[in-house]
C-alpha atoms as a PDB file:
ATOM      1  CA  MET A   1     102.242 127.018 180.703  1.00  0.00           C
ATOM      2  CA  ASN A   2     100.639 130.474 181.123  1.00  0.00           C
ATOM      3  CA  LEU A   3      99.342 132.568 178.233  1.00  0.00           C
ATOM      4  CA  LEU A   4     102.454 134.773 177.979  1.00  0.00           C
ATOM      5  CA  ALA A   5     104.768 131.760 177.954  1.00  0.00           C
ATOM      6  CA  ALA A   6     102.601 130.082 175.310  1.00  0.00           C
ATOM      7  CA  VAL A   7     102.758 133.190 173.115  1.00  0.00           C
ATOM      8  CA  HIS A   8     106.553 133.317 173.480  1.00  0.00           C
ATOM      9  CA  PHE A   9     106.799 129.616 172.649  1.00  0.00           C
ATOM     10  CA  LEU A  10     104.688 129.951 169.500  1.00  0.00           C
ATOM     11  CA  PHE A  11     106.682 133.012 168.450  1.00  0.00           C
ATOM     12  CA  PHE A  12     109.993 131.173 168.672  1.00  0.00           C
ATOM     13  CA  VAL A  13     108.542 128.133 166.865  1.00  0.00           C
ATOM     14  CA  ALA A  14     107.360 130.405 164.045  1.00  0.00           C
ATOM     15  CA  LEU A  15     110.762 132.148 163.977  1.00  0.00           C
ATOM     16  CA  TYR A  16     112.545 128.779 163.860  1.00  0.00           C
ATOM     17  CA  LEU A  17     110.390 127.527 160.987  1.00  0.00           C
ATOM     18  CA  ALA A  18     110.834 130.814 159.120  1.00  0.00           C
ATOM     19  CA  THR A  19     114.616 130.492 159.513  1.00  0.00           C
ATOM     20  CA  ILE A  20     114.529 126.943 158.134  1.00  0.00           C
ATOM     21  CA  ARG A  21     112.461 128.042 155.142  1.00  0.00           C
ATOM     22  CA  ALA A  22     114.753 131.013 154.473  1.00  0.00           C
ATOM     23  CA  GLU A  23     117.774 128.706 154.280  1.00  0.00           C
ATOM     24  CA  ARG A  24     116.119 126.139 152.075  1.00  0.00           C
ATOM     25  CA  ALA A  25     115.731 125.903 148.305  1.00  0.00           C
ATOM     26  CA  PRO A  26     112.098 126.667 147.374  1.00  0.00           C
ATOM     27  CA  LEU A  27     110.140 123.683 146.088  1.00  0.00           C
ATOM     28  CA  PHE A  28     107.736 123.603 143.161  1.00  0.00           C
ATOM     29  CA  GLY A  29     105.654 120.990 141.409  1.00  0.00           C
ATOM     30  CA  PHE A  30     102.467 120.268 139.503  1.00  0.00           C
ATOM     31  CA  SER A  31      99.032 119.041 140.379  1.00  0.00           C
ATOM     32  CA  ASN A  32      96.475 117.826 137.882  1.00  0.00           C
ATOM     33  CA  THR A  33      93.802 119.688 139.836  1.00  0.00           C
ATOM     34  CA  SER A  34      95.568 122.984 140.535  1.00  0.00           C
ATOM     35  CA  GLY A  35      98.390 123.347 137.987  1.00  0.00           C
ATOM     36  CA  LEU A  36     101.683 124.845 139.171  1.00  0.00           C
ATOM     37  CA  VAL A  37     102.152 124.666 142.942  1.00  0.00           C
ATOM     38  CA  SER A  38     104.679 125.797 145.514  1.00  0.00           C
ATOM     39  CA  ILE A  39     105.511 123.162 148.103  1.00  0.00           C
ATOM     40  CA  ASP A  40     106.360 123.980 151.684  1.00  0.00           C
ATOM     41  CA  VAL A  41     109.887 122.787 152.461  1.00  0.00           C
ATOM     42  CA  VAL A  42     108.928 121.683 155.978  1.00  0.00           C
ATOM     43  CA  SER A  43     105.402 120.276 155.684  1.00  0.00           C
ATOM     44  CA  GLY A  44     105.465 119.136 152.044  1.00  0.00           C
ATOM     45  CA  LEU A  45     102.022 120.666 151.500  1.00  0.00           C
ATOM     46  CA  ALA A  46     101.216 122.312 148.155  1.00  0.00           C
ATOM     47  CA  THR A  47      99.792 125.779 147.447  1.00  0.00           C
ATOM     48  CA  PRO A  48      98.507 126.675 143.946  1.00  0.00           C
ATOM     49  CA  ILE A  49     100.256 129.377 141.884  1.00  0.00           C
ATOM     50  CA  GLY A  50      97.946 130.834 139.274  1.00  0.00           C
ATOM     51  CA  SER A  51      95.300 128.781 137.487  1.00  0.00           C
ATOM     52  CA  PRO A  52      95.500 125.193 136.184  1.00  0.00           C
ATOM     53  CA  ALA A  53      95.925 124.436 132.491  1.00  0.00           C
ATOM     54  CA  PRO A  54      92.385 123.143 131.849  1.00  0.00           C
ATOM     55  CA  ASP A  55      93.161 120.682 129.028  1.00  0.00           C
ATOM     56  CA  GLU A  56      96.601 119.434 130.076  1.00  0.00           C
ATOM     57  CA  LEU A  57      97.135 116.117 131.832  1.00  0.00           C
ATOM     58  CA  GLU A  58     100.417 115.151 133.484  1.00  0.00           C
ATOM     59  CA  ALA A  59     101.953 111.991 134.895  1.00  0.00           C
ATOM     60  CA  GLN A  60     104.391 111.656 137.780  1.00  0.00           C
ATOM     61  CA  GLN A  61     107.575 113.715 137.632  1.00  0.00           C
ATOM     62  CA  LEU A  62     107.428 114.607 133.933  1.00  0.00           C
ATOM     63  CA  SER A  63     108.930 117.939 134.838  1.00  0.00           C
ATOM     64  CA  SER A  64     112.199 119.846 135.000  1.00  0.00           C
ATOM     65  CA  ILE A  65     113.104 123.172 136.604  1.00  0.00           C
ATOM     66  CA  ASP A  66     115.183 125.994 135.097  1.00  0.00           C
ATOM     67  CA  PRO A  67     116.053 128.447 137.927  1.00  0.00           C
ATOM     68  CA  PRO A  68     118.039 130.919 135.766  1.00  0.00           C
ATOM     69  CA  ARG A  69     114.964 131.540 133.609  1.00  0.00           C
ATOM     70  CA  ASN A  70     112.333 131.111 136.327  1.00  0.00           C
ATOM     71  CA  LEU A  71     110.598 128.305 134.437  1.00  0.00           C
ATOM     72  CA  LEU A  72     109.234 124.915 135.362  1.00  0.00           C
ATOM     73  CA  TYR A  73     108.632 122.656 132.385  1.00  0.00           C
ATOM     74  CA  MET A  74     106.209 119.764 132.215  1.00  0.00           C
ATOM     75  CA  SER A  75     105.472 117.204 129.549  1.00  0.00           C
ATOM     76  CA  GLY A  76     101.721 116.905 129.221  1.00  0.00           C
ATOM     77  CA  PHE A  77      98.959 115.427 127.134  1.00  0.00           C
ATOM     78  CA  ASN A  78      96.380 117.883 125.820  1.00  0.00           C
ATOM     79  CA  ALA A  79      93.000 116.208 126.226  1.00  0.00           C
ATOM     80  CA  SER A  80      91.328 118.520 123.700  1.00  0.00           C
ATOM     81  CA  ASN A  81      93.546 117.628 120.717  1.00  0.00           C
ATOM     82  CA  SER A  82      95.502 114.497 121.858  1.00  0.00           C
ATOM     83  CA  GLN A  83      98.812 116.359 121.417  1.00  0.00           C
ATOM     84  CA  LEU A  84     101.923 115.712 123.498  1.00  0.00           C
ATOM     85  CA  ASN A  85     103.451 119.016 124.590  1.00  0.00           C
ATOM     86  CA  VAL A  86     106.155 120.599 126.662  1.00  0.00           C
ATOM     87  CA  LEU A  87     104.723 123.485 128.647  1.00  0.00           C
ATOM     88  CA  GLY A  88     106.821 126.107 130.424  1.00  0.00           C
ATOM     89  CA  PHE A  89     105.274 127.743 133.498  1.00  0.00           C
ATOM     90  CA  ASP A  90     106.409 131.078 134.931  1.00  0.00           C
ATOM     91  CA  LEU A  91     107.348 130.344 138.541  1.00  0.00           C
ATOM     92  CA  ALA A  92     106.092 133.696 139.795  1.00  0.00           C
ATOM     93  CA  THR A  93     102.676 133.789 138.148  1.00  0.00           C
ATOM     94  CA  GLY A  94     101.893 130.188 137.200  1.00  0.00           C
ATOM     95  CA  ASP A  95     101.155 131.304 133.642  1.00  0.00           C
ATOM     96  CA  VAL A  96     102.061 129.093 130.674  1.00  0.00           C
ATOM     97  CA  THR A  97     104.659 131.081 128.711  1.00  0.00           C
ATOM     98  CA  VAL A  98     106.100 128.273 126.554  1.00  0.00           C
ATOM     99  CA  THR A  99     104.258 125.626 124.496  1.00  0.00           C
ATOM    100  CA  ILE A 100     106.191 123.145 122.358  1.00  0.00           C
ATOM    101  CA  LYS A 101     104.613 120.282 120.429  1.00  0.00           C
ATOM    102  CA  LEU A 102     106.416 116.955 120.681  1.00  0.00           C
ATOM    103  CA  PRO A 103     106.497 114.518 117.735  1.00  0.00           C
ATOM    104  CA  PHE A 104     105.840 111.427 119.854  1.00  0.00           C
ATOM    105  CA  LEU A 105     102.564 109.544 119.606  1.00  0.00           C
ATOM    106  CA  PRO A 106     100.483 109.335 122.801  1.00  0.00           C
ATOM    107  CA  ASN A 107     100.375 106.100 124.745  1.00  0.00           C
ATOM    108  CA  THR A 108      97.565 104.463 126.685  1.00  0.00           C
ATOM    109  CA  PHE A 109      98.911 106.091 129.845  1.00  0.00           C
ATOM    110  CA  VAL A 110      99.666 109.814 129.933  1.00  0.00           C
ATOM    111  CA  GLY A 111     103.382 110.514 129.532  1.00  0.00           C
ATOM    112  CA  LEU A 112     104.473 106.890 129.501  1.00  0.00           C
ATOM    113  CA  GLY A 113     107.939 106.630 127.932  1.00  0.00           C
ATOM    114  CA  VAL A 114     108.396 110.402 127.587  1.00  0.00           C
ATOM    115  CA  TYR A 115     110.916 112.327 129.692  1.00  0.00           C
ATOM    116  CA  ILE A 116     112.022 115.946 129.720  1.00  0.00           C
ATOM    117  CA  ALA A 117     115.089 117.530 131.348  1.00  0.00           C
ATOM    118  CA  VAL A 118     116.435 121.047 131.037  1.00  0.00           C
ATOM    119  CA  ASP A 119     120.065 122.136 130.621  1.00  0.00           C
ATOM    120  CA  THR A 120     120.245 124.930 133.204  1.00  0.00           C
ATOM    121  CA  HIS A 121     123.386 126.357 131.577  1.00  0.00           C
ATOM    122  CA  THR A 122     121.884 126.925 128.123  1.00  0.00           C
ATOM    123  CA  GLY A 123     118.134 126.677 128.692  1.00  0.00           C
ATOM    124  CA  ASP A 124     117.831 123.930 126.062  1.00  0.00           C
ATOM    125  CA  ILE A 125     115.347 121.154 126.773  1.00  0.00           C
ATOM    126  CA  TYR A 126     115.981 117.453 126.182  1.00  0.00           C
ATOM    127  CA  ALA A 127     113.009 115.191 125.490  1.00  0.00           C
ATOM    128  CA  THR A 128     112.900 111.457 124.930  1.00  0.00           C
ATOM    129  CA  GLY A 129     110.065 109.416 123.497  1.00  0.00           C
ATOM    130  CA  PRO A 130     109.330 106.086 121.769  1.00  0.00           C
ATOM    131  CA  GLU A 131     109.954 105.618 118.072  1.00  0.00           C
ATOM    132  CA  TRP A 132     107.290 102.880 118.109  1.00  0.00           C
ATOM    133  CA  ARG A 133     109.489 100.296 116.415  1.00  0.00           C
ATOM    134  CA  VAL A 134     109.236  97.246 118.632  1.00  0.00           C
ATOM    135  CA  GLY A 135     111.818  94.497 118.325  1.00  0.00           C
ATOM    136  CA  GLN A 136     113.444  91.779 120.372  1.00  0.00           C
ATOM    137  CA  ASP A 137     115.024  94.249 122.745  1.00  0.00           C
ATOM    138  CA  GLY A 138     111.977  96.476 123.121  1.00  0.00           C
ATOM    139  CA  GLU A 139     111.392  99.939 121.722  1.00  0.00           C
ATOM    140  CA  ARG A 140     113.879 102.435 120.366  1.00  0.00           C
ATOM    141  CA  HIS A 141     113.633 105.846 122.027  1.00  0.00           C
ATOM    142  CA  ILE A 142     114.597 109.092 120.348  1.00  0.00           C
ATOM    143  CA  VAL A 143     116.423 111.864 122.219  1.00  0.00           C
ATOM    144  CA  LEU A 144     115.645 115.405 121.059  1.00  0.00           C
ATOM    145  CA  ARG A 145     117.315 118.710 121.859  1.00  0.00           C
ATOM    146  CA  ILE A 146     114.910 121.680 121.828  1.00  0.00           C
ATOM    147  CA  ASP A 147     116.765 124.957 121.370  1.00  0.00           C
ATOM    148  CA  TYR A 148     115.751 127.480 124.041  1.00  0.00           C
ATOM    149  CA  ASP A 149     115.718 130.473 121.684  1.00  0.00           C
ATOM    150  CA  THR A 150     114.418 129.034 118.409  1.00  0.00           C
ATOM    151  CA  LYS A 151     112.517 125.991 119.748  1.00  0.00           C
ATOM    152  CA  LYS A 152     114.065 123.984 116.893  1.00  0.00           C
ATOM    153  CA  GLN A 153     114.106 120.245 117.594  1.00  0.00           C
ATOM    154  CA  THR A 154     117.217 118.206 116.730  1.00  0.00           C
ATOM    155  CA  ASN A 155     117.696 114.460 117.055  1.00  0.00           C
ATOM    156  CA  VAL A 156     120.825 114.016 119.194  1.00  0.00           C
ATOM    157  CA  GLY A 157     120.686 110.306 120.037  1.00  0.00           C
ATOM    158  CA  VAL A 158     118.832 107.009 120.104  1.00  0.00           C
ATOM    159  CA  ILE A 159     118.399 104.642 123.024  1.00  0.00           C
ATOM    160  CA  PRO A 160     118.397 101.397 121.022  1.00  0.00           C
ATOM    161  CA  LYS A 161     116.453  99.244 123.460  1.00  0.00           C
ATOM    162  CA  GLY A 162     114.089  99.936 126.278  1.00  0.00           C
ATOM    163  CA  VAL A 163     110.486  99.570 127.294  1.00  0.00           C
ATOM    164  CA  ASP A 164     108.297 102.347 128.655  1.00  0.00           C
ATOM    165  CA  VAL A 165     107.876 102.011 132.410  1.00  0.00           C
ATOM    166  CA  ILE A 166     105.549 103.592 134.935  1.00  0.00           C
ATOM    167  CA  GLY A 167     107.694 105.254 137.571  1.00  0.00           C
ATOM    168  CA  GLY A 168     110.743 106.020 135.437  1.00  0.00           C
ATOM    169  CA  ASP A 169     112.647 109.294 135.663  1.00  0.00           C
ATOM    170  CA  SER A 170     115.333 111.467 134.040  1.00  0.00           C
ATOM    171  CA  THR A 171     117.801 114.211 134.928  1.00  0.00           C
ATOM    172  CA  PHE A 172     120.487 116.223 133.112  1.00  0.00           C
ATOM    173  CA  ASP A 173     124.137 116.846 134.001  1.00  0.00           C
ATOM    174  CA  PRO A 174     125.074 120.165 132.309  1.00  0.00           C
ATOM    175  CA  ILE A 175     128.780 119.835 133.164  1.00  0.00           C
ATOM    176  CA  ASN A 176     129.401 116.460 131.492  1.00  0.00           C
ATOM    177  CA  ARG A 177     126.556 117.017 128.998  1.00  0.00           C
ATOM    178  CA  VAL A 178     124.803 113.761 129.871  1.00  0.00           C
ATOM    179  CA  LEU A 179     121.093 112.954 129.972  1.00  0.00           C
ATOM    180  CA  TRP A 180     120.310 110.208 132.480  1.00  0.00           C
ATOM    181  CA  CYS A 181     117.057 108.241 132.161  1.00  0.00           C
ATOM    182  CA  THR A 182     115.479 104.894 132.984  1.00  0.00           C
ATOM    183  CA  TYR A 183     113.653 102.413 130.764  1.00  0.00           C
ATOM    184  CA  GLY A 184     112.573  98.835 131.319  1.00  0.00           C
ATOM    185  CA  SER A 185     113.415  95.648 129.444  1.00  0.00           C
ATOM    186  CA  SER A 186     111.580  92.765 127.826  1.00  0.00           C
ATOM    187  CA  SER A 187     114.752  91.228 126.430  1.00  0.00           C
ATOM    188  CA  LYS A 188     115.909  87.773 127.453  1.00  0.00           C
ATOM    189  CA  THR A 189     119.461  89.161 127.650  1.00  0.00           C
ATOM    190  CA  GLN A 190     118.562  91.877 130.173  1.00  0.00           C
ATOM    191  CA  SER A 191     117.356  91.595 133.725  1.00  0.00           C
ATOM    192  CA  LYS A 192     113.828  92.797 134.327  1.00  0.00           C
ATOM    193  CA  GLY A 193     113.072  96.184 135.897  1.00  0.00           C
ATOM    194  CA  ASN A 194     114.320  99.689 135.270  1.00  0.00           C
ATOM    195  CA  HIS A 195     117.610 100.062 133.399  1.00  0.00           C
ATOM    196  CA  LEU A 196     119.705 103.207 133.699  1.00  0.00           C
ATOM    197  CA  TYR A 197     120.987 104.916 130.553  1.00  0.00           C
ATOM    198  CA  ALA A 198     123.452 107.784 130.136  1.00  0.00           C
ATOM    199  CA  VAL A 199     123.086 109.654 126.825  1.00  0.00           C
ATOM    200  CA  HIS A 200     125.992 111.901 125.799  1.00  0.00           C
ATOM    201  CA  VAL A 201     124.030 114.581 123.985  1.00  0.00           C
ATOM    202  CA  ASP A 202     126.970 116.093 122.074  1.00  0.00           C
ATOM    203  CA  ASN A 203     127.983 112.880 120.272  1.00  0.00           C
ATOM    204  CA  GLY A 204     124.972 110.587 120.701  1.00  0.00           C
ATOM    205  CA  ALA A 205     126.870 107.889 122.607  1.00  0.00           C
ATOM    206  CA  VAL A 206     124.653 105.829 124.925  1.00  0.00           C
ATOM    207  CA  GLU A 207     125.806 103.922 128.000  1.00  0.00           C
ATOM    208  CA  GLU A 208     123.695 101.276 129.690  1.00  0.00           C
ATOM    209  CA  ILE A 209     124.599 100.976 133.356  1.00  0.00           C
ATOM    210  CA  ASN A 210     124.101  97.229 133.631  1.00  0.00           C
ATOM    211  CA  ASP A 211     124.751  96.764 137.334  1.00  0.00           C
ATOM    212  CA  SER A 212     122.664  99.695 138.556  1.00  0.00           C
ATOM    213  CA  PRO A 213     119.908  99.026 141.093  1.00  0.00           C
ATOM    214  CA  GLN A 214     116.262  99.504 140.148  1.00  0.00           C
ATOM    215  CA  LEU A 215     116.071 103.288 140.473  1.00  0.00           C
ATOM    216  CA  SER A 216     112.681 104.965 140.746  1.00  0.00           C
ATOM    217  CA  THR A 217     114.014 108.549 141.031  1.00  0.00           C
ATOM    218  CA  LEU A 218     116.879 110.520 139.454  1.00  0.00           C
ATOM    219  CA  ASN A 219     118.207 113.870 140.672  1.00  0.00           C
ATOM    220  CA  TYR A 220     121.390 115.651 139.580  1.00  0.00           C
ATOM    221  CA  ASP A 221     123.305 117.398 142.383  1.00  0.00           C
ATOM    222  CA  SER A 222     125.430 120.169 140.878  1.00  0.00           C
ATOM    223  CA  SER A 223     127.393 120.704 144.096  1.00  0.00           C
ATOM    224  CA  THR A 224     128.857 117.184 144.021  1.00  0.00           C
ATOM    225  CA  GLY A 225     128.271 115.921 140.467  1.00  0.00           C
ATOM    226  CA  ARG A 226     126.259 113.022 141.846  1.00  0.00           C
ATOM    227  CA  ILE A 227     123.157 111.424 140.351  1.00  0.00           C
ATOM    228  CA  TYR A 228     120.963 110.529 143.328  1.00  0.00           C
ATOM    229  CA  GLY A 229     118.213 107.923 143.232  1.00  0.00           C
ATOM    230  CA  LEU A 230     115.878 105.936 145.443  1.00  0.00           C
ATOM    231  CA  SER A 231     115.938 102.185 145.087  1.00  0.00           C
ATOM    232  CA  ILE A 232     114.635  99.160 146.917  1.00  0.00           C
ATOM    233  CA  ARG A 233     116.021  95.716 147.625  1.00  0.00           C
ATOM    234  CA  ARG A 234     114.632  92.530 149.102  1.00  0.00           C
ATOM    235  CA  GLY A 235     115.311  92.193 152.786  1.00  0.00           C
ATOM    236  CA  LYS A 236     117.531  89.505 154.269  1.00  0.00           C
ATOM    237  CA  ILE A 237     114.799  87.730 156.177  1.00  0.00           C
ATOM    238  CA  THR A 238     117.174  85.271 157.853  1.00  0.00           C
ATOM    239  CA  GLN A 239     119.094  88.243 159.279  1.00  0.00           C
ATOM    240  CA  GLY A 240     116.004  89.852 160.748  1.00  0.00           C
ATOM    241  CA  GLU A 241     115.324  92.356 157.987  1.00  0.00           C
ATOM    242  CA  PRO A 242     111.786  93.035 156.713  1.00  0.00           C
ATOM    243  CA  ASP A 243     110.611  91.992 153.256  1.00  0.00           C
ATOM    244  CA  TYR A 244     111.999  95.156 151.606  1.00  0.00           C
ATOM    245  CA  VAL A 245     114.629  97.787 152.370  1.00  0.00           C
ATOM    246  CA  ARG A 246     114.615 101.277 150.875  1.00  0.00           C
ATOM    247  CA  MET A 247     117.986 102.651 149.706  1.00  0.00           C
ATOM    248  CA  LEU A 248     119.289 106.101 148.819  1.00  0.00           C
ATOM    249  CA  VAL A 249     122.133 105.682 146.323  1.00  0.00           C
ATOM    250  CA  PHE A 250     124.212 107.798 143.977  1.00  0.00           C
ATOM    251  CA  ILE A 251     126.453 107.516 140.944  1.00  0.00           C
ATOM    252  CA  ASP A 252     129.289 110.017 140.547  1.00  0.00           C
ATOM    253  CA  SER A 253     128.681 111.520 137.112  1.00  0.00           C
ATOM    254  CA  ASN A 254     132.408 112.313 136.871  1.00  0.00           C
ATOM    255  CA  ASP A 255     133.415 108.691 137.553  1.00  0.00           C
ATOM    256  CA  GLU A 256     133.587 106.692 134.342  1.00  0.00           C
ATOM    257  CA  THR A 257     133.231 103.412 136.249  1.00  0.00           C
ATOM    258  CA  ARG A 258     129.600 104.369 137.055  1.00  0.00           C
ATOM    259  CA  ALA A 259     129.942 102.617 140.407  1.00  0.00           C
ATOM    260  CA  VAL A 260     126.807 102.770 142.561  1.00  0.00           C
ATOM    261  CA  GLN A 261     127.346 104.016 146.115  1.00  0.00           C
ATOM    262  CA  VAL A 262     124.776 103.336 148.836  1.00  0.00           C
ATOM    263  CA  VAL A 263     124.299 106.404 151.057  1.00  0.00           C
ATOM    264  CA  GLY A 264     121.916 104.760 153.502  1.00  0.00           C
ATOM    265  CA  GLU A 265     119.183 102.183 153.999  1.00  0.00           C
ATOM    266  CA  GLU A 266     115.984 102.310 156.022  1.00  0.00           C
ATOM    267  CA  THR A 267     112.868 100.266 156.602  1.00  0.00           C
ATOM    268  CA  GLU A 268     110.478 102.755 158.211  1.00  0.00           C
ATOM    269  CA  TYR A 269     109.282 104.180 154.875  1.00  0.00           C
ATOM    270  CA  ILE A 270     109.190 101.774 151.936  1.00  0.00           C
ATOM    271  CA  GLY A 271     106.463 102.728 149.507  1.00  0.00           C
ATOM    272  CA  GLY A 272     107.373 105.701 147.325  1.00  0.00           C
ATOM    273  CA  ASP A 273     105.335 107.775 144.885  1.00  0.00           C
ATOM    274  CA  ALA A 274     106.763 107.003 141.453  1.00  0.00           C
ATOM    275  CA  ALA A 275     109.761 109.185 140.571  1.00  0.00           C
ATOM    276  CA  ILE A 276     108.675 112.145 142.726  1.00  0.00           C
ATOM    277  CA  ALA A 277     111.779 113.417 144.513  1.00  0.00           C
ATOM    278  CA  ALA A 278     114.071 116.447 144.712  1.00  0.00           C
ATOM    279  CA  ILE A 279     117.378 117.381 146.289  1.00  0.00           C
ATOM    280  CA  ASP A 280     118.114 120.617 148.155  1.00  0.00           C
ATOM    281  CA  GLU A 281     121.793 121.042 147.333  1.00  0.00           C
ATOM    282  CA  GLY A 282     122.525 123.688 149.963  1.00  0.00           C
ATOM    283  CA  ALA A 283     120.746 121.950 152.835  1.00  0.00           C
ATOM    284  CA  ARG A 284     122.013 118.534 151.633  1.00  0.00           C
ATOM    285  CA  LEU A 285     118.554 116.975 151.823  1.00  0.00           C
ATOM    286  CA  HIS A 286     116.874 114.454 149.559  1.00  0.00           C
ATOM    287  CA  MET A 287     113.071 114.791 149.705  1.00  0.00           C
ATOM    288  CA  SER A 288     110.283 112.510 148.533  1.00  0.00           C
ATOM    289  CA  TYR A 289     106.787 111.288 149.388  1.00  0.00           C
ATOM    290  CA  MET A 290     106.771 107.831 150.990  1.00  0.00           C
ATOM    291  CA  GLN A 291     104.700 105.439 153.086  1.00  0.00           C
ATOM    292  CA  PRO A 292     105.394 102.903 155.819  1.00  0.00           C
ATOM    293  CA  PRO A 293     105.226  99.239 154.725  1.00  0.00           C
ATOM    294  CA  ASN A 294     101.948  97.417 154.015  1.00  0.00           C
ATOM    295  CA  GLN A 295      99.827 100.509 153.365  1.00  0.00           C
ATOM    296  CA  THR A 296      97.137 101.326 150.818  1.00  0.00           C
ATOM    297  CA  LEU A 297      96.942 104.473 148.684  1.00  0.00           C
ATOM    298  CA  GLU A 298      94.254 105.808 151.017  1.00  0.00           C
ATOM    299  CA  ASP A 299      96.522 105.476 154.052  1.00  0.00           C
ATOM    300  CA  PRO A 300      98.687 108.448 155.137  1.00  0.00           C
ATOM    301  CA  TRP A 301     101.713 109.466 153.097  1.00  0.00           C
ATOM    302  CA  TYR A 302     104.724 111.332 154.476  1.00  0.00           C
ATOM    303  CA  PHE A 303     107.033 114.045 153.184  1.00  0.00           C
ATOM    304  CA  VAL A 304     110.381 112.444 154.029  1.00  0.00           C
ATOM    305  CA  SER A 305     113.676 114.355 154.156  1.00  0.00           C
ATOM    306  CA  ILE A 306     116.880 112.292 154.115  1.00  0.00           C
ATOM    307  CA  ASP A 307     120.419 113.519 154.752  1.00  0.00           C
ATOM    308  CA  ALA A 308     121.966 113.269 151.271  1.00  0.00           C
ATOM    309  CA  ASP A 309     125.457 112.617 152.675  1.00  0.00           C
ATOM    310  CA  LYS A 310     124.664 110.257 155.571  1.00  0.00           C
ATOM    311  CA  GLY A 311     121.409 108.587 154.513  1.00  0.00           C
ATOM    312  CA  ASP A 312     119.628 109.275 157.828  1.00  0.00           C
ATOM    313  CA  ILE A 313     115.986 110.374 157.942  1.00  0.00           C
ATOM    314  CA  VAL A 314     115.976 113.974 159.152  1.00  0.00           C
ATOM    315  CA  ASP A 315     112.245 114.638 159.130  1.00  0.00           C
ATOM    316  CA  ALA A 316     108.952 113.021 158.084  1.00  0.00           C
ATOM    317  CA  ARG A 317     105.656 114.953 157.956  1.00  0.00           C
ATOM    318  CA  LYS A 318     102.211 113.468 157.324  1.00  0.00           C
ATOM    319  CA  VAL A 319     100.693 115.084 154.218  1.00  0.00           C
ATOM    320  CA  GLY A 320      97.469 113.177 153.533  1.00  0.00           C
ATOM    321  CA  ASN A 321      96.630 110.293 151.229  1.00  0.00           C
ATOM    322  CA  TYR A 322      97.943 109.560 147.739  1.00  0.00           C
ATOM    323  CA  PHE A 323      95.228 111.525 145.977  1.00  0.00           C
ATOM    324  CA  THR A 324      96.253 114.783 147.687  1.00  0.00           C
ATOM    325  CA  LEU A 325      99.923 114.627 146.666  1.00  0.00           C
ATOM    326  CA  PRO A 326     101.494 116.789 143.944  1.00  0.00           C
ATOM    327  CA  TRP A 327     102.551 114.916 140.832  1.00  0.00           C
ATOM    328  CA  SER A 328     106.078 116.301 140.675  1.00  0.00           C
ATOM    329  CA  LEU A 329     108.693 117.842 142.954  1.00  0.00           C
ATOM    330  CA  GLU A 330     111.503 120.188 141.895  1.00  0.00           C
ATOM    331  CA  ALA A 331     113.978 122.206 144.001  1.00  0.00           C
ATOM    332  CA  TYR A 332     114.968 125.755 143.030  1.00  0.00           C
ATOM    333  CA  ASN A 333     118.698 125.406 143.751  1.00  0.00           C
ATOM    334  CA  ALA A 334     119.506 128.926 142.598  1.00  0.00           C
ATOM    335  CA  ASN A 335     122.274 129.524 145.135  1.00  0.00           C
ATOM    336  CA  LEU A 336     124.428 126.858 143.499  1.00  0.00           C
ATOM    337  CA  ARG A 337     123.809 127.662 139.828  1.00  0.00           C
ATOM    338  CA  ARG A 338     126.711 129.429 138.153  1.00  0.00           C
ATOM    339  CA  ASP A 339     124.514 131.275 135.681  1.00  0.00           C
ATOM    340  CA  VAL A 340     121.548 132.395 137.789  1.00  0.00           C
ATOM    341  CA  VAL A 341     120.036 135.622 136.503  1.00  0.00           C
ATOM    342  CA  ALA A 342     117.117 136.059 138.902  1.00  0.00           C
ATOM    343  CA  GLY A 343     114.977 134.332 141.470  1.00  0.00           C
ATOM    344  CA  PRO A 344     111.237 133.831 141.625  1.00  0.00           C
ATOM    345  CA  SER A 345     109.373 136.950 142.653  1.00  0.00           C
ATOM    346  CA  SER A 346     106.613 135.139 144.527  1.00  0.00           C
ATOM    347  CA  SER A 347     106.720 133.657 148.012  1.00  0.00           C
ATOM    348  CA  THR A 348     106.826 129.873 148.343  1.00  0.00           C
ATOM    349  CA  ASP A 349     104.981 129.740 151.688  1.00  0.00           C
END
């Protein structure tokens, strides 16, 4: 290939990648070392936006994005005063523009048992946290609504049983007014692992989805009404499968049977970073950070994009080891929000 041909080739590659990025929902997240970050939709690599919050610590996927108001919320632990907070970051500047104190007591691990999810229609935030009353069925967890305008906190429900789990997640369905979240179990009457709960925030009713798989991620897809999640099952060794099989599944939030549908299964990437995933509703892609089987945290991780309708792996890009990954992943699905008022003013590349 001569120099001119090489230049033409690189130009068309750059144009192709630019076209992909232009058609994709921008991605954002957090890093404990750099604060708010934009995440490249192709490579999965993070770029800092603004400066980090020096005293705030975050755990995996304790975040929720509000495209209409250009905010990304995180639930953090302030190391200077031991206070649990919800912080709202401006997506354009990375500045903290909202700080809300949560009434929950801190746990040994940052963020354990606390979830936040935003109602993109109203801007209200929903937060769950332990009541610290431990009984036979585990801990009760309180569900709070935080009014967007007044920041007033109202108790809207109680999850009567559940144990804090590392790698749990939450998401909010603004159409059916349901907060979805996962907690574990120590009860003899429940199977071990993550249990899926649906909290109806207008009347406080709580459903426990007893036959759900062990979901490590939850993402609401407003274009279909589905709740997507990654799960894992033991392989059928006698049928030639490996020890574990990774599954992409969904529950139709409009279907009262709460039946779990398997979109696809794969064995190439098994290990997943706890709860860190997002869905690009327009491109129909589910994205997460995963590893091949039998790897250590220091081994390479991959930014894996899966067809949300077929379950096939579309792309996988090496991004470094575990300690270089962002701690959350959120998609700015502005093109599909009915009440979008503006988009972020900064570039995501």
